[in-house]
């Protein structure tokens, strides 16, 4: 649960850093061609693990329960660390960036044990443990 507690703060810092004119090698953004899904990847930094978060504008379907201790937004985002199960994100920011590069349908993004494949039916992402998630307008799930 400690990783879940750190995730909102980490992603907020990453989102602020990604807004600067000079892109960071440790932070990468991408979105699906529809613009409904946006993701942010952050490489490991001192005291912080590498992670990947994807938000879906139309929301997770079915909407999961509120994470314990979450007083912020939820129900529209999953996150992964390099190892371990998918987390439902509790956040006060967004990974949806209209200026992010598009991950075209049929293409796969890979970085440091993470991978995401974009298809017209949705986005599937996984980590080095083989855990991950699927996002689409119709449904979403963790595996």
C-alpha atoms as a PDB file:
ATOM      1  CA  UNK A   1       0.000   0.000   0.000  1.00  0.00           C
ATOM      2  CA  UNK A   2       2.965   2.328   0.471  1.00  0.00           C
ATOM      3  CA  UNK A   3       3.482   2.414  -3.315  1.00  0.00           C
ATOM      4  CA  UNK A   4      -0.177   3.354  -3.794  1.00  0.00           C
ATOM      5  CA  UNK A   5       0.213   6.210  -1.313  1.00  0.00           C
ATOM      6  CA  UNK A   6       3.288   7.548  -3.145  1.00  0.00           C
ATOM      7  CA  UNK A   7       1.829   7.217  -6.617  1.00  0.00           C
ATOM      8  CA  UNK A   8      -0.401  10.339  -6.629  1.00  0.00           C
ATOM      9  CA  UNK A   9       2.482  12.539  -5.509  1.00  0.00           C
ATOM     10  CA  UNK A  10       4.903  10.955  -7.964  1.00  0.00           C
ATOM     11  CA  UNK A  11       2.546  11.354 -10.913  1.00  0.00           C
ATOM     12  CA  UNK A  12       1.757  14.967  -9.952  1.00  0.00           C
ATOM     13  CA  UNK A  13       5.470  15.767  -9.949  1.00  0.00           C
ATOM     14  CA  UNK A  14       5.905  13.985 -13.259  1.00  0.00           C
ATOM     15  CA  UNK A  15       2.987  15.805 -14.851  1.00  0.00           C
ATOM     16  CA  UNK A  16       4.444  19.142 -13.768  1.00  0.00           C
ATOM     17  CA  UNK A  17       7.840  18.178 -15.144  1.00  0.00           C
ATOM     18  CA  UNK A  18       6.325  17.034 -18.456  1.00  0.00           C
ATOM     19  CA  UNK A  19       4.708  20.430 -18.938  1.00  0.00           C
ATOM     20  CA  UNK A  20       8.115  22.076 -19.351  1.00  0.00           C
ATOM     21  CA  UNK A  21       9.407  22.829 -22.844  1.00  0.00           C
ATOM     22  CA  UNK A  22      12.342  20.394 -22.590  1.00  0.00           C
ATOM     23  CA  UNK A  23      11.213  16.744 -22.406  1.00  0.00           C
ATOM     24  CA  UNK A  24      12.895  14.557 -19.826  1.00  0.00           C
ATOM     25  CA  UNK A  25      14.420  11.221 -20.821  1.00  0.00           C
ATOM     26  CA  UNK A  26      12.956   9.733 -17.641  1.00  0.00           C
ATOM     27  CA  UNK A  27       9.363  10.755 -18.410  1.00  0.00           C
ATOM     28  CA  UNK A  28       7.404   9.697 -21.473  1.00  0.00           C
ATOM     29  CA  UNK A  29       3.836  10.422 -22.455  1.00  0.00           C
ATOM     30  CA  UNK A  30       1.657   8.844 -25.116  1.00  0.00           C
ATOM     31  CA  UNK A  31      -2.013   8.632 -26.020  1.00  0.00           C
ATOM     32  CA  UNK A  32      -4.251   6.455 -28.150  1.00  0.00           C
ATOM     33  CA  UNK A  33      -5.389   7.746 -31.560  1.00  0.00           C
ATOM     34  CA  UNK A  34      -8.905   8.463 -30.202  1.00  0.00           C
ATOM     35  CA  UNK A  35      -7.440  10.606 -27.400  1.00  0.00           C
ATOM     36  CA  UNK A  36      -9.602   8.729 -24.881  1.00  0.00           C
ATOM     37  CA  UNK A  37      -6.580   7.126 -23.160  1.00  0.00           C
ATOM     38  CA  UNK A  38      -3.404   8.894 -22.044  1.00  0.00           C
ATOM     39  CA  UNK A  39      -0.377   7.366 -20.330  1.00  0.00           C
ATOM     40  CA  UNK A  40       2.669   8.627 -18.477  1.00  0.00           C
ATOM     41  CA  UNK A  41       5.796   6.571 -17.770  1.00  0.00           C
ATOM     42  CA  UNK A  42       8.408   7.593 -15.207  1.00  0.00           C
ATOM     43  CA  UNK A  43      11.792   5.923 -14.947  1.00  0.00           C
ATOM     44  CA  UNK A  44      13.067   5.039 -11.489  1.00  0.00           C
ATOM     45  CA  UNK A  45      14.482   7.954  -9.529  1.00  0.00           C
ATOM     46  CA  UNK A  46      16.199   7.994  -6.134  1.00  0.00           C
ATOM     47  CA  UNK A  47      13.645   6.619  -3.690  1.00  0.00           C
ATOM     48  CA  UNK A  48      10.929   6.214  -6.338  1.00  0.00           C
ATOM     49  CA  UNK A  49      10.215   3.131  -8.458  1.00  0.00           C
ATOM     50  CA  UNK A  50       9.663   3.114 -12.219  1.00  0.00           C
ATOM     51  CA  UNK A  51       5.937   3.291 -12.947  1.00  0.00           C
ATOM     52  CA  UNK A  52       3.340   3.563 -15.677  1.00  0.00           C
ATOM     53  CA  UNK A  53      -0.090   5.147 -15.338  1.00  0.00           C
ATOM     54  CA  UNK A  54      -2.879   5.292 -17.911  1.00  0.00           C
ATOM     55  CA  UNK A  55      -6.073   7.345 -17.580  1.00  0.00           C
ATOM     56  CA  UNK A  56      -9.228   6.812 -19.613  1.00  0.00           C
ATOM     57  CA  UNK A  57     -11.442   9.848 -20.186  1.00  0.00           C
ATOM     58  CA  UNK A  58     -14.615   7.714 -20.432  1.00  0.00           C
ATOM     59  CA  UNK A  59     -13.855   6.012 -17.069  1.00  0.00           C
ATOM     60  CA  UNK A  60     -13.164   2.439 -16.009  1.00  0.00           C
ATOM     61  CA  UNK A  61     -16.018   0.039 -16.773  1.00  0.00           C
ATOM     62  CA  UNK A  62     -17.071  -1.363 -14.432  1.00  0.00           C
ATOM     63  CA  UNK A  63     -15.995   1.358 -12.017  1.00  0.00           C
ATOM     64  CA  UNK A  64     -13.956  -0.168  -9.160  1.00  0.00           C
ATOM     65  CA  UNK A  65     -14.507   0.618  -5.512  1.00  0.00           C
ATOM     66  CA  UNK A  66     -12.783   3.653  -4.019  1.00  0.00           C
ATOM     67  CA  UNK A  67      -9.254   2.767  -2.852  1.00  0.00           C
ATOM     68  CA  UNK A  68      -8.848   2.819   0.929  1.00  0.00           C
ATOM     69  CA  UNK A  69      -7.916   6.268   2.207  1.00  0.00           C
ATOM     70  CA  UNK A  70      -8.601   7.953  -1.152  1.00  0.00           C
ATOM     71  CA  UNK A  71     -10.056  11.461  -0.859  1.00  0.00           C
ATOM     72  CA  UNK A  72      -9.230  12.388  -4.466  1.00  0.00           C
ATOM     73  CA  UNK A  73     -10.420  11.251  -7.906  1.00  0.00           C
ATOM     74  CA  UNK A  74     -10.506   7.555  -8.828  1.00  0.00           C
ATOM     75  CA  UNK A  75     -12.249   5.216 -11.236  1.00  0.00           C
ATOM     76  CA  UNK A  76     -10.558   6.395 -14.413  1.00  0.00           C
ATOM     77  CA  UNK A  77      -6.984   5.217 -14.044  1.00  0.00           C
ATOM     78  CA  UNK A  78      -4.736   2.209 -13.512  1.00  0.00           C
ATOM     79  CA  UNK A  79      -1.062   2.208 -12.561  1.00  0.00           C
ATOM     80  CA  UNK A  80       1.735  -0.339 -12.631  1.00  0.00           C
ATOM     81  CA  UNK A  81       5.073  -0.596 -10.933  1.00  0.00           C
ATOM     82  CA  UNK A  82       7.749  -2.655 -12.696  1.00  0.00           C
ATOM     83  CA  UNK A  83       6.759  -5.713 -10.636  1.00  0.00           C
ATOM     84  CA  UNK A  84       3.481  -6.571  -8.963  1.00  0.00           C
ATOM     85  CA  UNK A  85      -0.230  -6.210  -9.543  1.00  0.00           C
ATOM     86  CA  UNK A  86      -2.143  -3.358 -11.152  1.00  0.00           C
ATOM     87  CA  UNK A  87      -3.265  -0.549  -8.853  1.00  0.00           C
ATOM     88  CA  UNK A  88      -6.430   1.545  -9.051  1.00  0.00           C
ATOM     89  CA  UNK A  89      -5.089   5.085  -8.956  1.00  0.00           C
ATOM     90  CA  UNK A  90      -6.195   7.717  -6.457  1.00  0.00           C
ATOM     91  CA  UNK A  91      -5.171  11.038  -7.992  1.00  0.00           C
ATOM     92  CA  UNK A  92      -5.671  14.772  -8.229  1.00  0.00           C
ATOM     93  CA  UNK A  93      -4.148  15.179 -11.697  1.00  0.00           C
ATOM     94  CA  UNK A  94      -4.372  13.561 -15.127  1.00  0.00           C
ATOM     95  CA  UNK A  95      -2.222  11.589 -17.559  1.00  0.00           C
ATOM     96  CA  UNK A  96      -4.407  12.838 -20.447  1.00  0.00           C
ATOM     97  CA  UNK A  97      -2.201  15.279 -22.353  1.00  0.00           C
ATOM     98  CA  UNK A  98      -3.531  16.572 -25.698  1.00  0.00           C
ATOM     99  CA  UNK A  99       0.066  17.194 -26.842  1.00  0.00           C
ATOM    100  CA  UNK A 100       1.323  13.660 -26.090  1.00  0.00           C
ATOM    101  CA  UNK A 101       2.549  11.618 -29.068  1.00  0.00           C
ATOM    102  CA  UNK A 102       0.056   9.116 -30.479  1.00  0.00           C
ATOM    103  CA  UNK A 103       0.661   5.380 -30.107  1.00  0.00           C
ATOM    104  CA  UNK A 104      -0.898   4.262 -33.399  1.00  0.00           C
ATOM    105  CA  UNK A 105      -3.194   1.258 -33.557  1.00  0.00           C
ATOM    106  CA  UNK A 106      -1.171  -1.918 -34.068  1.00  0.00           C
ATOM    107  CA  UNK A 107       1.934  -0.407 -32.423  1.00  0.00           C
ATOM    108  CA  UNK A 108       3.564  -1.358 -29.133  1.00  0.00           C
ATOM    109  CA  UNK A 109       5.375   0.976 -26.730  1.00  0.00           C
ATOM    110  CA  UNK A 110       8.096  -0.703 -24.586  1.00  0.00           C
ATOM    111  CA  UNK A 111      10.292   0.605 -21.815  1.00  0.00           C
ATOM    112  CA  UNK A 112      12.139  -1.008 -18.905  1.00  0.00           C
ATOM    113  CA  UNK A 113       9.895  -4.087 -18.514  1.00  0.00           C
ATOM    114  CA  UNK A 114       6.649  -2.248 -19.339  1.00  0.00           C
ATOM    115  CA  UNK A 115       4.763  -2.619 -22.609  1.00  0.00           C
ATOM    116  CA  UNK A 116       1.510  -1.211 -24.025  1.00  0.00           C
ATOM    117  CA  UNK A 117      -0.145  -2.277 -27.265  1.00  0.00           C
ATOM    118  CA  UNK A 118      -2.640   0.042 -28.920  1.00  0.00           C
ATOM    119  CA  UNK A 119      -5.471  -1.488 -30.939  1.00  0.00           C
ATOM    120  CA  UNK A 120      -8.770  -0.122 -32.210  1.00  0.00           C
ATOM    121  CA  UNK A 121     -10.490  -2.248 -29.521  1.00  0.00           C
ATOM    122  CA  UNK A 122      -8.430  -0.731 -26.664  1.00  0.00           C
ATOM    123  CA  UNK A 123      -5.067  -0.457 -24.920  1.00  0.00           C
ATOM    124  CA  UNK A 124      -3.352  -3.399 -23.171  1.00  0.00           C
ATOM    125  CA  UNK A 125      -0.402  -2.718 -20.854  1.00  0.00           C
ATOM    126  CA  UNK A 126       1.723  -5.062 -18.744  1.00  0.00           C
ATOM    127  CA  UNK A 127       4.796  -5.055 -16.529  1.00  0.00           C
ATOM    128  CA  UNK A 128       7.794  -7.360 -16.035  1.00  0.00           C
ATOM    129  CA  UNK A 129       5.684  -9.619 -13.735  1.00  0.00           C
ATOM    130  CA  UNK A 130       3.117 -10.190 -16.479  1.00  0.00           C
ATOM    131  CA  UNK A 131       0.457  -8.222 -14.584  1.00  0.00           C
ATOM    132  CA  UNK A 132      -1.351  -5.386 -16.259  1.00  0.00           C
ATOM    133  CA  UNK A 133      -4.608  -3.953 -17.520  1.00  0.00           C
ATOM    134  CA  UNK A 134      -6.866  -3.456 -20.518  1.00  0.00           C
ATOM    135  CA  UNK A 135      -8.721  -0.193 -21.169  1.00  0.00           C
ATOM    136  CA  UNK A 136     -11.506   0.579 -23.643  1.00  0.00           C
ATOM    137  CA  UNK A 137     -14.751   2.564 -23.713  1.00  0.00           C
ATOM    138  CA  UNK A 138     -16.734  -0.677 -23.339  1.00  0.00           C
ATOM    139  CA  UNK A 139     -14.779  -2.373 -20.548  1.00  0.00           C
ATOM    140  CA  UNK A 140     -11.650  -2.402 -18.456  1.00  0.00           C
ATOM    141  CA  UNK A 141      -9.977  -5.023 -16.325  1.00  0.00           C
ATOM    142  CA  UNK A 142      -6.802  -5.942 -14.455  1.00  0.00           C
ATOM    143  CA  UNK A 143      -4.843  -9.175 -14.904  1.00  0.00           C
END
